[in-house]
Amino acid sequence: MYDVVVVGARCAGAATGRLLAGMGHDVLMVDRTPLPSDTLSTHGLIRGGVVQLSRWGLLDRVLGSGAPPITQVLFDIEGDPKVRRIKQRAGVDMLVAPRRRVLDSLLADAAGEAGARLQSGVTAIGVLRTDDGRVNGIAGLTTRGDYIELPARMVVGADGRGSRMAGFLGAEMLERFTSPCAVFYTYVTGLRRDTYEFHIASDAFAGVFPTNDGEACVWLIRPTPLLEPIRTAGAERSTVFVEQLELLVPDLGRRVRAGRITARLRGTANLPNYRRRAHGPGWALVGDAGYHRDPITGHGITDAFRDAELLATAIDRSLREPTSERAALTSYQESRDAMGREVFDLTRALTAFPPPSRFVELQLELSDALEREADQLAGFPGPRANLAA
């Protein structure tokens, strides 16, 4: 029997597995998709996420992958751009936006170095339970169709926004709203390598996150009906995307047209925003499986890193002192909800796309909230074991 089986080995799952393995626990991570592989994400880390990478000894690896250090941020409010340097705070003075195929693989490799095992090509199809209903493992299918059972003292669902584990575990929905927005993004060469860009116009929010391989993730968020021209453009979607940028944020649109688009346009609309119950006897949820918000606040990876550490700390306590499990996991959920509350509410307000002046005010509130969170993360106790392998 494993100490912990983690279902999902991307940002949240791999970080949780790595931390627990570094604490001395026997951890198995399973994922139906082999790594490295990409996933739907604009992958721009804000300060809190960089703080976690730095604390865990992984920031240099991310930089070594070719993801450029971001040292300044451009804010363009209806054609009036201002550039600000990123100051030292919470122990870091840069941001970073590694591709998910890079970041997820790096985290999974680090988990393996800490002692966790990864078994790819396994799809969870249910959970195992004791006679009294406690979860004590998962049932799964391999890519060959073989049925397997993986018993564990604790099961962690880290299988993302469409989490099947949440259903298997009966995790109730505590709060939910549907975003009225859509986002489209692609990758472009020829843009600044050291600058995050945020462009605000009426009913439009666009940006740039420089990433690996000399490319930048260029994205556009608008109320869903206003992006219908892109959604319905078929093979011409990338062309219409650039035209929309030129219309809404002309300077960025011109620079994107002058560069080279290197990937197909991806997007999604009307995403669910929610908090689920995060734990029960023998189980817990982490990352998007338990808590998700619209990408308009650009915070998903930081959420995953924050909650991975909160959960790993709670599970470590639970495994060492089984009578403390309920209190430890309850504290995990309460901390997750408290630390995410302000940004969750700001996400709801921003997705309503108020007039630009109010949108800017909300962005300033968001910036303050994210900086305070980074300070909190920097103040987390250090891991019990050295995880900077």
Protein backbone atom coordinates (compact mmCIF):
# COMPACT_ATOMS: atom_id res chain seq x y z
CA MET A 1 0.00 0.00 0.00
CA TYR A 2 1.27 3.45 -0.95
CA ASP A 3 1.16 6.32 1.51
CA VAL A 4 -0.33 8.59 -1.17
CA VAL A 5 -1.66 8.09 -4.69
CA VAL A 6 -1.94 11.34 -6.63
CA VAL A 7 -4.22 11.27 -9.69
CA GLY A 8 -2.89 13.89 -12.10
CA ALA A 9 0.79 14.76 -12.47
CA ARG A 10 0.75 18.31 -13.80
CA CYS A 11 1.31 21.52 -11.78
CA ALA A 12 -0.78 20.75 -8.72
CA GLY A 13 -0.28 16.98 -8.64
CA ALA A 14 3.45 16.95 -9.33
CA ALA A 15 4.10 19.73 -6.81
CA THR A 16 2.06 17.91 -4.16
CA GLY A 17 3.78 14.60 -4.91
CA ARG A 18 7.21 16.16 -4.80
CA LEU A 19 6.63 17.85 -1.46
CA LEU A 20 5.21 14.69 0.12
CA ALA A 21 8.01 12.50 -1.22
CA GLY A 22 10.53 14.98 0.16
CA MET A 23 8.84 14.61 3.54
CA GLY A 24 9.60 10.89 3.41
CA HIS A 25 6.31 9.44 2.18
CA ASP A 26 5.83 6.71 -0.43
CA VAL A 27 4.08 8.52 -3.28
CA LEU A 28 2.73 7.26 -6.60
CA MET A 29 1.54 9.77 -9.20
CA VAL A 30 -0.60 8.55 -12.10
CA ASP A 31 -1.65 10.42 -15.21
CA ARG A 32 -3.46 9.28 -18.31
CA THR A 33 -1.29 11.53 -20.54
CA PRO A 34 2.47 11.01 -20.97
CA LEU A 35 4.70 14.01 -20.28
CA PRO A 36 5.91 16.25 -21.79
CA SER A 37 2.70 17.54 -23.33
CA ASP A 38 0.88 20.84 -23.49
CA THR A 39 -2.49 21.71 -22.02
CA LEU A 40 -4.90 24.62 -22.37
CA SER A 41 -3.16 27.42 -20.44
CA THR A 42 -1.75 30.92 -20.94
CA HIS A 43 0.83 29.93 -18.24
CA GLY A 44 1.91 33.38 -17.03
CA LEU A 45 3.15 33.15 -13.43
CA ILE A 46 2.67 36.12 -11.16
CA ARG A 47 4.90 36.83 -8.19
CA GLY A 48 3.41 34.23 -5.85
CA GLY A 49 4.10 31.40 -8.27
CA VAL A 50 7.69 32.55 -8.75
CA VAL A 51 8.07 32.75 -4.96
CA GLN A 52 7.08 29.09 -4.71
CA LEU A 53 9.48 28.01 -7.45
CA SER A 54 12.26 29.94 -5.72
CA ARG A 55 11.46 28.49 -2.28
CA TRP A 56 11.41 24.97 -3.72
CA GLY A 57 14.77 25.42 -5.45
CA LEU A 58 13.29 25.15 -8.96
CA LEU A 59 13.41 28.70 -10.33
CA ASP A 60 16.90 28.26 -11.80
CA ARG A 61 15.71 25.14 -13.61
CA VAL A 62 12.82 27.05 -15.14
CA LEU A 63 15.17 29.81 -16.29
CA GLY A 64 17.56 27.16 -17.57
CA SER A 65 14.77 25.79 -19.78
CA GLY A 66 14.90 29.00 -21.82
CA ALA A 67 11.92 30.74 -20.26
CA PRO A 68 13.12 34.35 -20.07
CA PRO A 69 13.14 36.33 -16.82
CA ILE A 70 10.46 39.02 -16.99
CA THR A 71 11.82 42.22 -15.46
CA GLN A 72 9.15 44.76 -16.39
CA VAL A 73 5.42 45.07 -17.00
CA LEU A 74 3.68 47.26 -19.59
CA PHE A 75 0.17 48.54 -18.80
CA ASP A 76 -1.62 50.07 -21.78
CA ILE A 77 -4.91 51.74 -20.84
CA GLU A 78 -6.80 52.70 -23.99
CA GLY A 79 -3.64 53.57 -25.90
CA ASP A 80 -1.69 55.15 -23.02
CA PRO A 81 1.16 52.72 -22.22
CA LYS A 82 3.28 52.84 -19.08
CA VAL A 83 6.16 50.50 -18.21
CA ARG A 84 7.11 49.58 -14.65
CA ARG A 85 10.14 47.66 -13.44
CA ILE A 86 9.47 44.63 -11.28
CA LYS A 87 10.88 45.44 -7.86
CA GLN A 88 12.35 43.01 -5.36
CA ARG A 89 9.64 41.71 -3.06
CA ALA A 90 9.02 38.45 -1.21
CA GLY A 91 12.48 37.31 -2.27
CA VAL A 92 12.06 37.59 -6.06
CA ASP A 93 12.50 40.36 -8.63
CA MET A 94 11.17 38.72 -11.78
CA LEU A 95 8.21 36.88 -13.28
CA VAL A 96 8.30 33.92 -15.66
CA ALA A 97 5.95 32.15 -18.08
CA PRO A 98 7.30 28.70 -19.02
CA ARG A 99 5.32 26.57 -21.47
CA ARG A 100 3.26 23.95 -19.67
CA ARG A 101 5.02 21.11 -21.48
CA VAL A 102 8.23 22.48 -19.90
CA LEU A 103 6.94 23.34 -16.44
CA ASP A 104 4.87 20.20 -15.90
CA SER A 105 7.73 17.92 -16.97
CA LEU A 106 10.20 19.81 -14.81
CA LEU A 107 7.93 19.41 -11.76
CA ALA A 108 7.34 15.72 -12.46
CA ASP A 109 11.07 15.12 -12.85
CA ALA A 110 11.72 16.94 -9.57
CA ALA A 111 9.07 14.78 -7.89
CA GLY A 112 10.88 11.70 -9.15
CA GLU A 113 14.18 12.97 -7.78
CA ALA A 114 12.49 13.45 -4.40
CA GLY A 115 11.38 9.80 -4.47
CA ALA A 116 7.88 9.90 -5.97
CA ARG A 117 7.04 7.48 -8.77
CA LEU A 118 5.11 8.40 -11.92
CA GLN A 119 3.01 5.91 -13.88
CA SER A 120 1.68 7.40 -17.11
CA GLY A 121 -1.06 5.94 -19.24
CA VAL A 122 -3.34 5.18 -16.27
CA THR A 123 -6.92 6.44 -16.23
CA ALA A 124 -8.71 6.45 -12.88
CA ILE A 125 -12.15 4.83 -13.19
CA GLY A 126 -13.16 4.83 -9.54
CA VAL A 127 -12.01 4.72 -5.94
CA LEU A 128 -11.57 1.88 -3.47
CA ARG A 129 -13.31 2.11 -0.11
CA THR A 130 -13.23 0.28 3.18
CA ASP A 131 -16.41 -1.14 4.70
CA ASP A 132 -16.99 2.11 6.61
CA GLY A 133 -16.70 4.20 3.40
CA ARG A 134 -13.19 5.53 3.82
CA VAL A 135 -11.30 5.93 0.55
CA ASN A 136 -8.23 3.67 0.48
CA GLY A 137 -7.07 3.66 -3.14
CA ILE A 138 -8.11 3.97 -6.77
CA ALA A 139 -9.17 1.64 -9.55
CA GLY A 140 -7.77 2.35 -13.00
CA LEU A 141 -7.26 1.19 -16.55
CA THR A 142 -3.92 1.14 -18.34
CA THR A 143 -3.53 2.12 -21.97
CA ARG A 144 -3.65 -1.62 -22.79
CA GLY A 145 -7.02 -1.90 -21.09
CA ASP A 146 -5.74 -3.77 -18.04
CA TYR A 147 -7.67 -3.21 -14.80
CA ILE A 148 -5.50 -2.25 -11.83
CA GLU A 149 -6.06 -1.34 -8.20
CA LEU A 150 -3.69 1.01 -6.38
CA PRO A 151 -4.27 0.98 -2.61
CA ALA A 152 -3.20 4.01 -0.57
CA ARG A 153 -3.57 5.56 2.86
CA MET A 154 -4.52 8.85 1.15
CA VAL A 155 -5.81 9.62 -2.36
CA VAL A 156 -5.33 13.06 -3.93
CA GLY A 157 -7.40 14.18 -6.91
CA ALA A 158 -5.31 16.58 -9.01
CA ASP A 159 -6.93 15.85 -12.36
CA GLY A 160 -7.89 19.36 -13.36
CA ARG A 161 -11.00 21.34 -14.22
CA GLY A 162 -12.88 18.36 -15.64
CA SER A 163 -12.01 16.29 -12.58
CA ARG A 164 -13.50 12.80 -12.63
CA MET A 165 -12.02 12.21 -9.20
CA ALA A 166 -14.25 14.91 -7.74
CA GLY A 167 -17.23 12.89 -8.92
CA PHE A 168 -15.88 9.56 -7.69
CA LEU A 169 -15.19 11.13 -4.30
CA GLY A 170 -18.54 12.90 -4.04
CA ALA A 171 -16.94 16.32 -3.54
CA GLU A 172 -19.81 18.76 -3.21
CA MET A 173 -19.82 22.13 -4.96
CA LEU A 174 -19.61 24.94 -2.39
CA GLU A 175 -19.72 27.93 -4.72
CA ARG A 176 -20.00 28.37 -8.45
CA PHE A 177 -20.57 30.92 -11.22
CA THR A 178 -20.07 30.77 -14.98
CA SER A 179 -17.79 33.32 -16.59
CA PRO A 180 -19.42 35.35 -19.37
CA CYS A 181 -16.05 35.65 -21.13
CA ALA A 182 -14.00 33.85 -23.74
CA VAL A 183 -10.24 33.74 -24.26
CA PHE A 184 -8.19 33.00 -27.38
CA TYR A 185 -4.42 32.76 -27.53
CA THR A 186 -1.55 31.79 -29.80
CA TYR A 187 2.25 32.02 -29.95
CA VAL A 188 4.18 34.74 -31.78
CA THR A 189 7.86 35.48 -32.38
CA GLY A 190 9.45 38.92 -32.54
CA LEU A 191 7.96 40.45 -29.38
CA ARG A 192 9.77 41.81 -26.33
CA ARG A 193 11.45 39.06 -24.30
CA ASP A 194 11.59 40.81 -20.91
CA THR A 195 8.11 42.32 -20.61
CA TYR A 196 4.65 41.15 -19.61
CA GLU A 197 2.07 43.27 -21.44
CA PHE A 198 -1.49 44.07 -20.38
CA HIS A 199 -3.72 46.09 -22.72
CA ILE A 200 -7.10 47.42 -21.56
CA ALA A 201 -9.76 48.72 -23.94
CA SER A 202 -13.53 48.87 -23.86
CA ASP A 203 -14.82 45.29 -23.41
CA ALA A 204 -11.35 43.92 -24.16
CA PHE A 205 -8.32 42.72 -22.22
CA ALA A 206 -5.26 41.52 -24.13
CA GLY A 207 -1.74 40.60 -23.17
CA VAL A 208 1.65 39.06 -23.87
CA PHE A 209 3.61 36.52 -21.83
CA PRO A 210 7.11 35.82 -23.27
CA THR A 211 7.98 32.13 -23.00
CA ASN A 212 10.33 29.42 -24.26
CA ASP A 213 11.84 29.11 -27.76
CA GLY A 214 11.78 32.83 -28.54
CA GLU A 215 7.98 32.86 -28.57
CA ALA A 216 5.37 34.79 -26.62
CA CYS A 217 1.86 33.77 -25.65
CA VAL A 218 -0.48 36.46 -27.00
CA TRP A 219 -4.02 36.36 -25.62
CA LEU A 220 -7.32 38.21 -25.90
CA ILE A 221 -10.24 38.08 -23.44
CA ARG A 222 -13.66 39.60 -24.19
CA PRO A 223 -17.30 38.95 -23.38
CA THR A 224 -18.10 35.75 -25.25
CA PRO A 225 -20.52 37.20 -27.86
CA LEU A 226 -17.89 39.76 -28.93
CA LEU A 227 -15.43 36.99 -29.84
CA GLU A 228 -17.94 35.22 -32.06
CA PRO A 229 -16.17 36.52 -35.23
CA ILE A 230 -13.04 34.60 -34.18
CA ARG A 231 -14.87 31.48 -33.05
CA THR A 232 -16.77 31.17 -36.33
CA ALA A 233 -13.87 32.02 -38.67
CA GLY A 234 -12.85 28.41 -39.28
CA ALA A 235 -9.47 28.14 -40.97
CA GLU A 236 -9.15 31.94 -40.86
CA ARG A 237 -9.34 32.20 -37.07
CA SER A 238 -5.73 33.34 -36.65
CA THR A 239 -6.21 36.03 -39.28
CA VAL A 240 -9.36 37.31 -37.59
CA PHE A 241 -7.60 37.19 -34.21
CA VAL A 242 -4.89 39.54 -35.49
CA GLU A 243 -7.51 41.80 -37.07
CA GLN A 244 -9.34 42.01 -33.74
CA LEU A 245 -6.10 42.93 -31.96
CA GLU A 246 -5.41 45.66 -34.53
CA LEU A 247 -8.90 47.05 -34.00
CA LEU A 248 -8.90 46.90 -30.18
CA VAL A 249 -5.24 47.41 -29.22
CA PRO A 250 -3.60 48.74 -32.39
CA ASP A 251 0.03 48.84 -31.21
CA LEU A 252 -0.01 45.20 -30.12
CA GLY A 253 -1.92 44.19 -33.23
CA ARG A 254 0.70 45.77 -35.49
CA ARG A 255 3.54 44.05 -33.66
CA VAL A 256 1.81 40.68 -33.82
CA ARG A 257 1.26 41.10 -37.56
CA ALA A 258 4.94 41.99 -38.00
CA GLY A 259 5.97 38.87 -36.09
CA ARG A 260 5.33 35.25 -36.98
CA ILE A 261 2.49 33.17 -35.57
CA THR A 262 3.90 29.73 -34.76
CA ALA A 263 0.89 27.81 -33.43
CA ARG A 264 -2.79 27.32 -34.09
CA LEU A 265 -5.18 29.56 -32.20
CA ARG A 266 -6.62 27.96 -29.07
CA GLY A 267 -9.45 29.16 -26.88
CA THR A 268 -12.32 28.46 -24.56
CA ALA A 269 -15.45 30.23 -23.36
CA ASN A 270 -17.80 30.50 -20.39
CA LEU A 271 -15.54 28.66 -18.00
CA PRO A 272 -16.88 27.48 -14.64
CA ASN A 273 -15.56 29.24 -11.54
CA TYR A 274 -15.97 27.20 -8.37
CA ARG A 275 -14.90 25.96 -4.97
CA ARG A 276 -15.49 22.31 -4.16
CA ARG A 277 -15.26 20.57 -0.82
CA ALA A 278 -11.57 19.75 -0.67
CA HIS A 279 -11.40 16.69 1.58
CA GLY A 280 -13.06 13.69 3.15
CA PRO A 281 -11.99 10.47 4.89
CA GLY A 282 -8.90 9.29 3.04
CA TRP A 283 -9.03 11.84 0.21
CA ALA A 284 -8.35 15.43 -0.84
CA LEU A 285 -8.55 17.58 -3.95
CA VAL A 286 -5.90 20.05 -5.11
CA GLY A 287 -5.51 22.47 -8.01
CA ASP A 288 -8.30 22.95 -10.55
CA ALA A 289 -9.97 19.76 -9.34
CA GLY A 290 -11.04 21.63 -6.23
CA TYR A 291 -10.83 25.33 -7.04
CA HIS A 292 -10.94 27.11 -10.40
CA ARG A 293 -11.27 30.65 -11.74
CA ASP A 294 -11.41 32.38 -15.10
CA PRO A 295 -7.96 33.17 -16.59
CA ILE A 296 -8.75 36.90 -16.58
CA THR A 297 -6.89 37.09 -13.25
CA GLY A 298 -3.98 34.93 -14.48
CA HIS A 299 -3.49 33.07 -11.23
CA GLY A 300 -4.15 29.37 -11.81
CA ILE A 301 -0.59 28.04 -11.53
CA THR A 302 0.05 30.08 -8.40
CA ASP A 303 -3.17 28.67 -6.92
CA ALA A 304 -1.88 25.18 -7.69
CA PHE A 305 1.50 25.82 -6.07
CA ARG A 306 -0.02 27.46 -3.00
CA ASP A 307 -2.53 24.68 -2.45
CA ALA A 308 0.00 21.93 -3.13
CA GLU A 309 2.06 23.09 -0.18
CA LEU A 310 -0.96 23.61 2.06
CA LEU A 311 -2.19 20.11 1.25
CA ALA A 312 1.19 18.39 1.51
CA THR A 313 1.62 19.88 4.97
CA ALA A 314 -1.83 18.65 6.01
CA ILE A 315 -1.32 15.14 4.61
CA ASP A 316 2.11 14.85 6.22
CA ARG A 317 0.53 15.62 9.58
CA SER A 318 -2.32 13.20 8.89
CA LEU A 319 -0.04 10.31 7.98
CA ARG A 320 2.17 10.82 11.01
CA GLU A 321 -0.73 11.39 13.42
CA PRO A 322 -3.79 9.61 11.97
CA THR A 323 -6.10 10.99 14.66
CA SER A 324 -5.36 14.50 13.38
CA GLU A 325 -6.51 13.83 9.80
CA ARG A 326 -9.86 15.57 9.95
CA ALA A 327 -8.48 18.66 11.69
CA ALA A 328 -5.48 18.86 9.36
CA LEU A 329 -7.52 18.56 6.17
CA THR A 330 -10.17 20.96 7.46
CA SER A 331 -7.40 23.48 8.09
CA TYR A 332 -6.15 22.92 4.52
CA GLN A 333 -9.55 23.75 3.05
CA GLU A 334 -10.04 26.76 5.30
CA SER A 335 -6.61 28.14 4.38
CA ARG A 336 -7.22 27.52 0.66
CA ASP A 337 -10.55 29.31 0.77
CA ALA A 338 -9.30 32.23 2.86
CA MET A 339 -6.23 32.84 0.71
CA GLY A 340 -8.24 32.59 -2.52
CA ARG A 341 -11.29 34.60 -1.43
CA GLU A 342 -10.28 38.08 -2.56
CA VAL A 343 -9.01 36.99 -5.98
CA PHE A 344 -12.11 34.82 -6.54
CA ASP A 345 -14.34 37.84 -5.92
CA LEU A 346 -12.19 40.09 -8.11
CA THR A 347 -12.39 37.50 -10.87
CA ARG A 348 -16.18 37.67 -10.80
CA ALA A 349 -16.06 41.48 -10.97
CA LEU A 350 -13.53 41.58 -13.82
CA THR A 351 -15.36 39.04 -15.98
CA ALA A 352 -18.35 41.40 -15.96
CA PHE A 353 -16.17 43.83 -17.98
CA PRO A 354 -17.17 47.11 -16.33
CA PRO A 355 -16.14 50.38 -18.06
CA PRO A 356 -12.36 50.74 -18.50
CA SER A 357 -11.96 53.14 -15.57
CA ARG A 358 -13.54 50.61 -13.17
CA PHE A 359 -11.69 47.72 -14.85
CA VAL A 360 -8.41 49.52 -14.10
CA GLU A 361 -9.43 50.06 -10.46
CA LEU A 362 -10.15 46.35 -10.14
CA GLN A 363 -6.80 45.50 -11.71
CA LEU A 364 -5.06 47.69 -9.14
CA GLU A 365 -6.96 45.91 -6.36
CA LEU A 366 -5.91 42.61 -7.90
CA SER A 367 -2.26 43.67 -8.05
CA ASP A 368 -2.31 44.60 -4.36
CA ALA A 369 -3.98 41.29 -3.44
CA LEU A 370 -1.43 39.25 -5.41
CA GLU A 371 1.50 41.07 -3.83
CA ARG A 372 0.11 40.46 -0.35
CA GLU A 373 -0.33 36.79 -1.21
CA ALA A 374 3.28 36.60 -2.39
CA ASP A 375 4.35 37.95 0.99
CA GLN A 376 2.27 35.24 2.69
CA LEU A 377 3.83 32.52 0.56
CA ALA A 378 7.32 33.80 1.24
CA GLY A 379 6.49 33.48 4.93
CA PHE A 380 5.42 29.81 4.73
CA PRO A 381 7.55 27.55 6.93
CA GLY A 382 10.27 25.79 4.97
CA PRO A 383 9.65 22.15 3.98
CA ARG A 384 10.72 19.55 6.53
CA ALA A 385 13.15 18.11 4.01
CA ASN A 386 15.52 19.75 1.54
CA LEU A 387 13.69 19.60 -1.79
CA ALA A 388 16.15 21.56 -3.93
CA ALA A 389 17.72 18.41 -5.37
